[in-house]
Protein backbone atom coordinates (compact mmCIF):
# COMPACT_ATOMS: atom_id res chain seq x y z
CA TRP A 1 131.14 94.01 105.75
CA GLU A 2 128.16 93.56 107.64
CA LEU A 3 125.20 95.82 108.25
CA GLY A 4 126.05 98.62 111.19
CA ASP A 5 129.74 98.28 110.45
CA ARG A 6 131.47 101.59 109.86
CA PRO A 7 131.20 102.84 106.39
CA VAL A 8 133.68 101.59 103.73
CA PRO A 9 135.12 103.24 100.65
CA VAL A 10 133.19 102.41 97.78
CA THR A 11 133.84 102.71 94.10
CA VAL A 12 130.79 103.39 91.32
CA ARG A 13 131.53 103.35 88.20
CA PHE A 14 128.56 105.47 86.19
CA SER A 15 128.79 104.65 82.25
CA ARG A 16 129.75 107.73 79.76
CA ASP A 17 125.94 108.11 78.66
CA PHE A 18 125.06 108.68 82.15
CA ARG A 19 127.48 110.39 83.66
CA TRP A 20 125.76 113.42 83.64
CA TRP A 21 123.50 112.37 86.46
CA ALA A 22 125.93 111.50 88.82
CA GLU A 23 128.50 114.36 88.13
CA HIS A 24 124.97 117.00 88.65
CA ASN A 25 123.66 115.26 91.82
CA LEU A 26 126.22 113.31 93.68
CA GLN A 27 128.64 115.45 95.90
CA ALA A 28 131.14 113.03 96.11
CA GLU A 29 134.92 112.86 94.74
CA THR A 30 135.25 111.54 91.13
CA ALA A 31 137.86 110.65 88.66
CA GLU A 32 137.95 109.88 84.76
CA GLY A 33 137.34 106.55 84.20
CA PRO A 34 138.02 104.57 81.01
CA ASP A 35 136.27 105.17 78.14
CA GLY A 36 134.85 108.34 79.15
CA THR A 37 133.26 106.65 82.39
CA LEU A 38 133.00 108.51 85.57
CA ASP A 39 134.13 106.46 88.81
CA VAL A 40 132.71 107.92 92.06
CA PHE A 41 134.21 107.30 95.17
CA LEU A 42 131.43 106.83 97.82
CA GLN A 43 131.48 106.05 101.78
CA ALA A 44 128.30 103.02 102.22
CA GLY A 45 127.81 101.41 105.61
CA ASN A 46 124.93 99.03 104.58
CA PRO A 47 126.27 96.62 101.50
CA ASP A 48 122.18 95.83 100.90
CA ALA A 49 121.04 99.59 100.27
CA LEU A 50 124.40 99.89 97.94
CA ALA A 51 123.28 97.36 95.76
CA SER A 52 119.61 98.49 95.38
CA TRP A 53 120.65 102.08 94.61
CA VAL A 54 123.18 100.61 92.01
CA ILE A 55 120.55 97.72 90.35
CA GLY A 56 118.33 100.79 90.23
CA PHE A 57 120.22 102.17 87.51
CA GLY A 58 120.00 98.97 85.70
CA GLY A 59 123.46 98.72 83.53
CA GLU A 60 124.73 102.24 83.65
CA ALA A 61 126.06 101.67 86.93
CA GLN A 62 128.66 99.03 88.26
CA VAL A 63 130.34 98.82 92.01
CA VAL A 64 133.92 98.53 90.91
CA GLU A 65 135.22 97.91 94.67
CA PRO A 66 135.47 96.63 96.77
CA ASP A 67 134.83 92.97 96.09
CA ASP A 68 132.47 92.28 98.70
CA ALA A 69 130.49 95.03 97.84
CA ARG A 70 130.07 94.02 93.61
CA GLU A 71 129.56 90.32 95.23
CA THR A 72 126.48 91.65 96.76
CA VAL A 73 125.04 93.20 93.66
CA LEU A 74 125.40 89.67 91.98
CA ARG A 75 123.89 87.81 94.86
CA ARG A 76 120.86 90.71 94.69
CA LEU A 77 120.52 90.21 90.94
CA ASP A 78 121.26 86.32 90.95
CA ALA A 79 118.06 86.28 93.63
CA ALA A 80 115.59 88.73 91.07
CA LEU A 81 116.46 86.19 88.28
CA GLU A 82 115.76 83.16 90.31
CA SER A 83 112.59 85.04 91.75
CA ALA A 84 111.84 85.93 88.34
CA ARG A 85 112.04 82.52 87.02
CA GLY A 86 109.62 80.90 89.67
């Protein structure tokens, strides 16, 4: 999945405590997830932008699929930790 590719389907899971935000602010298909979480089905064309957006929610959102989108989030978090450690 490279920058500039056609948008791909992405599932982002919002925590039970933060699902209200997704329900009121995203115009997307949703489904009740495990434990009262909310799965939001989006189209994303830029993996780095998606990762930044998801990371901005802290622990309240996570990429469920596709795997490469989840891996992009993990790489961005690893890079932030490395930078913070100096």
